[in-house]
């Protein structure tokens, strides 16, 4: 199973980006999925998670600005990021609990988001 993240890039403060992360390979279903980020010199931190039923959880720093969603038919999770700030600059990683026989945890390769004027 591979998680392929995309959608990062350079954006000005106040702008928007939409990240996507698709799972490929032998996947029966997906349980919780989420996005994490790691800024230079900092530890990886949770950004948002979403359960298979659609319940969401957000870091306080992104509440009201970011929206996580998923398409179960496509085994894909999204992160809509609005009102971006320079402090949102980081490598964003997707994460998923995948059901394939047992339940296994996978990370995507990361996509860089840079917020700068």
Protein backbone atom coordinates (compact mmCIF):
# COMPACT_ATOMS: atom_id res chain seq x y z
CA UNK A 1 0.00 0.00 0.00
CA UNK A 2 1.24 3.47 -0.88
CA UNK A 3 -0.11 6.86 0.12
CA UNK A 4 0.55 9.50 -2.53
CA UNK A 5 0.22 13.09 -1.36
CA UNK A 6 -0.04 16.03 -3.72
CA UNK A 7 -1.13 19.66 -3.86
CA UNK A 8 1.62 21.45 -1.99
CA UNK A 9 3.34 24.55 -3.26
CA UNK A 10 4.11 28.21 -2.69
CA UNK A 11 1.24 30.49 -1.73
CA UNK A 12 0.97 34.02 -0.41
CA UNK A 13 -0.37 34.72 3.08
CA UNK A 14 -4.14 34.64 3.02
CA UNK A 15 -4.20 32.25 0.10
CA UNK A 16 -5.54 28.72 -0.22
CA UNK A 17 -4.29 25.28 -1.15
CA UNK A 18 -5.93 21.86 -1.34
CA UNK A 19 -3.92 18.78 -0.48
CA UNK A 20 -4.89 15.30 -1.62
CA UNK A 21 -3.68 11.89 -0.52
CA UNK A 22 -4.71 8.72 -2.32
CA UNK A 23 -4.07 5.18 -1.21
CA UNK A 24 -3.14 2.61 -3.81
CA UNK A 25 -2.51 -1.09 -3.64
CA UNK A 26 -4.34 -3.84 -1.84
CA UNK A 27 -6.83 -1.91 0.29
CA UNK A 28 -10.03 -3.40 1.68
CA UNK A 29 -11.10 -0.23 3.45
CA UNK A 30 -9.70 2.78 5.29
CA UNK A 31 -10.26 3.60 8.92
CA UNK A 32 -9.04 6.88 10.40
CA UNK A 33 -7.13 9.16 8.05
CA UNK A 34 -5.31 12.36 8.83
CA UNK A 35 -2.82 15.06 8.06
CA UNK A 36 0.26 15.95 10.07
CA UNK A 37 2.92 18.56 9.45
CA UNK A 38 6.54 19.18 10.35
CA UNK A 39 8.08 22.62 10.20
CA UNK A 40 11.88 23.06 10.05
CA UNK A 41 13.41 22.40 13.43
CA UNK A 42 10.13 21.27 14.96
CA UNK A 43 8.48 17.98 15.75
CA UNK A 44 5.75 16.52 13.59
CA UNK A 45 2.33 17.64 14.80
CA UNK A 46 -1.25 16.66 14.14
CA UNK A 47 -3.21 18.96 11.84
CA UNK A 48 -6.52 17.14 11.38
CA UNK A 49 -8.05 13.67 11.41
CA UNK A 50 -11.23 12.15 10.06
CA UNK A 51 -12.86 8.83 10.93
CA UNK A 52 -14.45 6.46 8.44
CA UNK A 53 -17.80 7.86 9.53
CA UNK A 54 -16.76 11.44 8.88
CA UNK A 55 -16.08 12.71 12.40
CA UNK A 56 -13.31 15.28 12.38
CA UNK A 57 -10.72 16.64 14.78
CA UNK A 58 -8.49 19.70 14.28
CA UNK A 59 -5.49 21.28 15.92
CA UNK A 60 -6.46 24.54 17.59
CA UNK A 61 -4.08 26.42 15.30
CA UNK A 62 -6.03 25.48 12.16
CA UNK A 63 -9.63 25.42 13.39
CA UNK A 64 -11.86 27.56 11.22
CA UNK A 65 -9.27 27.72 8.43
CA UNK A 66 -8.65 24.11 7.40
CA UNK A 67 -11.18 21.46 6.43
CA UNK A 68 -10.45 17.74 6.20
CA UNK A 69 -12.66 15.49 4.07
CA UNK A 70 -12.51 12.08 2.46
CA UNK A 71 -13.84 10.09 -0.46
CA UNK A 72 -14.14 6.49 0.69
CA UNK A 73 -14.81 5.22 -2.83
CA UNK A 74 -11.48 6.66 -3.94
CA UNK A 75 -9.56 5.89 -0.72
CA UNK A 76 -8.57 9.54 -0.69
CA UNK A 77 -8.31 12.19 2.00
CA UNK A 78 -8.23 15.93 1.36
CA UNK A 79 -7.15 18.99 3.29
CA UNK A 80 -8.58 22.33 2.20
CA UNK A 81 -6.41 25.07 3.64
CA UNK A 82 -7.70 28.64 3.62
CA UNK A 83 -6.40 31.89 5.10
CA UNK A 84 -2.90 30.46 5.12
CA UNK A 85 -0.30 32.02 7.39
CA UNK A 86 3.52 31.93 7.24
CA UNK A 87 3.47 29.69 10.33
CA UNK A 88 1.61 27.06 8.29
CA UNK A 89 4.81 26.51 6.29
CA UNK A 90 5.79 22.87 6.71
CA UNK A 91 5.99 19.50 5.05
CA UNK A 92 2.52 17.98 5.25
CA UNK A 93 2.18 14.21 5.64
CA UNK A 94 -0.93 12.12 5.25
CA UNK A 95 -1.55 9.15 7.47
CA UNK A 96 -4.03 6.31 7.28
CA UNK A 97 -5.08 3.16 9.05
CA UNK A 98 -5.65 0.65 6.28
CA UNK A 99 -7.67 -2.55 6.59
CA UNK A 100 -6.05 -5.32 4.56
CA UNK A 101 -6.21 -8.56 6.50
CA UNK A 102 -5.23 -6.79 9.67
CA UNK A 103 -5.13 -3.04 10.30
CA UNK A 104 -1.90 -1.28 9.39
CA UNK A 105 -0.68 2.31 9.64
CA UNK A 106 0.86 4.06 6.67
CA UNK A 107 2.47 7.45 5.98
CA UNK A 108 2.60 9.36 2.73
CA UNK A 109 5.84 10.85 1.42
CA UNK A 110 5.06 14.45 2.38
CA UNK A 111 4.27 17.52 0.36
CA UNK A 112 5.84 20.92 1.03
CA UNK A 113 3.63 23.92 1.71
CA UNK A 114 5.36 27.29 1.78
CA UNK A 115 3.42 30.41 2.77
CA UNK A 116 5.39 33.50 1.90
CA UNK A 117 5.05 36.82 0.17
